[in-house]
Amino acid sequence: MLATLVDIYEEKQFPIGLPRPAEAIQFRMEQLDLTTSDLIPLIGSCAEVSEILSGKCDLTLEMIRALHEHLGIPAEVLLQQTGILRA
């Protein structure tokens, strides 16, 4: 019972948000031992992959679908953007 109370307290006092999309992609790449070249079929050119991973460019809906389907990254993580999605 004490552990449950501690969990509830921690969730309220110290909530953990979702990672930024670029961080989630990089983490998944590390887990699967992927290189940036492995992302080219999912994202586009090498330059686009670099821009996405650096956070300079937002993901398109097509990229989000591909990353979600092929790498298993939750769509809710990939959809949260500070900028506007480009078509």
C-alpha atoms as a PDB file:
ATOM      1  CA  MET A   1       0.000   0.000   0.000  1.00  0.00           C
ATOM      2  CA  LEU A   2       2.882   2.342   0.794  1.00  0.00           C
ATOM      3  CA  ALA A   3       4.431   1.705  -2.626  1.00  0.00           C
ATOM      4  CA  THR A   4       1.152   2.674  -4.309  1.00  0.00           C
ATOM      5  CA  LEU A   5       1.001   5.913  -2.339  1.00  0.00           C
ATOM      6  CA  VAL A   6       4.598   6.718  -3.262  1.00  0.00           C
ATOM      7  CA  ASP A   7       3.831   6.061  -6.954  1.00  0.00           C
ATOM      8  CA  ILE A   8       0.812   8.362  -6.857  1.00  0.00           C
ATOM      9  CA  TYR A   9       2.814  11.078  -5.088  1.00  0.00           C
ATOM     10  CA  GLU A  10       5.665  10.844  -7.600  1.00  0.00           C
ATOM     11  CA  GLU A  11       3.305  10.984 -10.585  1.00  0.00           C
ATOM     12  CA  LYS A  12       1.682  14.153  -9.250  1.00  0.00           C
ATOM     13  CA  GLN A  13       4.806  15.910  -7.992  1.00  0.00           C
ATOM     14  CA  PHE A  14       7.333  14.826 -10.622  1.00  0.00           C
ATOM     15  CA  PRO A  15       5.508  14.065 -13.874  1.00  0.00           C
ATOM     16  CA  ILE A  16       7.629  12.707 -16.692  1.00  0.00           C
ATOM     17  CA  GLY A  17       6.687  14.128 -20.069  1.00  0.00           C
ATOM     18  CA  LEU A  18       7.108  12.622 -23.476  1.00  0.00           C
ATOM     19  CA  PRO A  19      10.520  12.838 -25.139  1.00  0.00           C
ATOM     20  CA  ARG A  20      10.970  15.120 -28.122  1.00  0.00           C
ATOM     21  CA  PRO A  21      10.521  13.278 -31.436  1.00  0.00           C
ATOM     22  CA  ALA A  22      14.217  13.561 -32.363  1.00  0.00           C
ATOM     23  CA  GLU A  23      15.218  12.118 -28.975  1.00  0.00           C
ATOM     24  CA  ALA A  24      12.784   9.216 -29.387  1.00  0.00           C
ATOM     25  CA  ILE A  25      14.136   8.451 -32.861  1.00  0.00           C
ATOM     26  CA  GLN A  26      17.734   8.549 -31.656  1.00  0.00           C
ATOM     27  CA  PHE A  27      16.916   6.317 -28.685  1.00  0.00           C
ATOM     28  CA  ARG A  28      15.215   3.773 -30.939  1.00  0.00           C
ATOM     29  CA  MET A  29      18.166   3.905 -33.338  1.00  0.00           C
ATOM     30  CA  GLU A  30      20.482   3.038 -30.444  1.00  0.00           C
ATOM     31  CA  GLN A  31      18.232   0.177 -29.360  1.00  0.00           C
ATOM     32  CA  LEU A  32      18.139  -1.309 -32.860  1.00  0.00           C
ATOM     33  CA  ASP A  33      21.774  -0.434 -33.664  1.00  0.00           C
ATOM     34  CA  LEU A  34      20.712   1.649 -36.682  1.00  0.00           C
ATOM     35  CA  THR A  35      22.668   4.328 -38.497  1.00  0.00           C
ATOM     36  CA  THR A  36      21.350   7.484 -40.109  1.00  0.00           C
ATOM     37  CA  SER A  37      21.616   5.693 -43.457  1.00  0.00           C
ATOM     38  CA  ASP A  38      19.070   3.155 -42.215  1.00  0.00           C
ATOM     39  CA  LEU A  39      16.521   5.957 -41.812  1.00  0.00           C
ATOM     40  CA  ILE A  40      16.763   7.194 -45.400  1.00  0.00           C
ATOM     41  CA  PRO A  41      14.006   4.852 -46.682  1.00  0.00           C
ATOM     42  CA  LEU A  42      11.724   6.054 -43.878  1.00  0.00           C
ATOM     43  CA  ILE A  43      12.470   9.785 -43.894  1.00  0.00           C
ATOM     44  CA  GLY A  44      14.037  10.709 -47.208  1.00  0.00           C
ATOM     45  CA  SER A  45      17.459  11.985 -48.125  1.00  0.00           C
ATOM     46  CA  CYS A  46      20.484  11.974 -45.865  1.00  0.00           C
ATOM     47  CA  ALA A  47      20.086  15.734 -45.446  1.00  0.00           C
ATOM     48  CA  GLU A  48      16.465  15.319 -44.304  1.00  0.00           C
ATOM     49  CA  VAL A  49      17.465  12.653 -41.800  1.00  0.00           C
ATOM     50  CA  SER A  50      20.141  14.966 -40.426  1.00  0.00           C
ATOM     51  CA  GLU A  51      17.700  17.885 -40.145  1.00  0.00           C
ATOM     52  CA  ILE A  52      15.100  15.730 -38.371  1.00  0.00           C
ATOM     53  CA  LEU A  53      17.617  14.336 -35.882  1.00  0.00           C
ATOM     54  CA  SER A  54      18.992  17.799 -35.131  1.00  0.00           C
ATOM     55  CA  GLY A  55      15.487  19.175 -34.582  1.00  0.00           C
ATOM     56  CA  LYS A  56      15.842  21.739 -37.385  1.00  0.00           C
ATOM     57  CA  CYS A  57      12.990  20.259 -39.384  1.00  0.00           C
ATOM     58  CA  ASP A  58       9.563  18.888 -38.418  1.00  0.00           C
ATOM     59  CA  LEU A  59       8.365  15.435 -39.363  1.00  0.00           C
ATOM     60  CA  THR A  60       5.772  15.067 -42.090  1.00  0.00           C
ATOM     61  CA  LEU A  61       2.761  12.844 -41.610  1.00  0.00           C
ATOM     62  CA  GLU A  62       4.278  10.341 -44.049  1.00  0.00           C
ATOM     63  CA  MET A  63       7.497  10.220 -42.011  1.00  0.00           C
ATOM     64  CA  ILE A  64       5.551   9.783 -38.779  1.00  0.00           C
ATOM     65  CA  ARG A  65       3.628   6.856 -40.231  1.00  0.00           C
ATOM     66  CA  ALA A  66       6.813   5.188 -41.497  1.00  0.00           C
ATOM     67  CA  LEU A  67       8.686   5.626 -38.207  1.00  0.00           C
ATOM     68  CA  HIS A  68       5.713   4.368 -36.224  1.00  0.00           C
ATOM     69  CA  GLU A  69       5.154   1.327 -38.450  1.00  0.00           C
ATOM     70  CA  HIS A  70       8.779   0.297 -39.020  1.00  0.00           C
ATOM     71  CA  LEU A  71      10.478   1.324 -35.776  1.00  0.00           C
ATOM     72  CA  GLY A  72       7.547   1.041 -33.363  1.00  0.00           C
ATOM     73  CA  ILE A  73       7.891   4.578 -32.015  1.00  0.00           C
ATOM     74  CA  PRO A  74       4.550   5.648 -30.499  1.00  0.00           C
ATOM     75  CA  ALA A  75       2.670   8.032 -32.783  1.00  0.00           C
ATOM     76  CA  GLU A  76       1.809  10.307 -29.857  1.00  0.00           C
ATOM     77  CA  VAL A  77       5.529  10.957 -29.336  1.00  0.00           C
ATOM     78  CA  LEU A  78       6.152  11.685 -33.013  1.00  0.00           C
ATOM     79  CA  LEU A  79       3.080  13.889 -33.422  1.00  0.00           C
ATOM     80  CA  GLN A  80       3.956  16.350 -30.690  1.00  0.00           C
ATOM     81  CA  GLN A  81       5.656  19.177 -32.512  1.00  0.00           C
ATOM     82  CA  THR A  82       6.435  22.743 -31.574  1.00  0.00           C
ATOM     83  CA  GLY A  83       6.382  23.825 -35.213  1.00  0.00           C
ATOM     84  CA  ILE A  84       3.895  23.217 -37.976  1.00  0.00           C
ATOM     85  CA  LEU A  85       3.893  19.957 -39.886  1.00  0.00           C
ATOM     86  CA  ARG A  86       4.804  20.364 -43.511  1.00  0.00           C
ATOM     87  CA  ALA A  87       2.845  18.511 -46.186  1.00  0.00           C
END
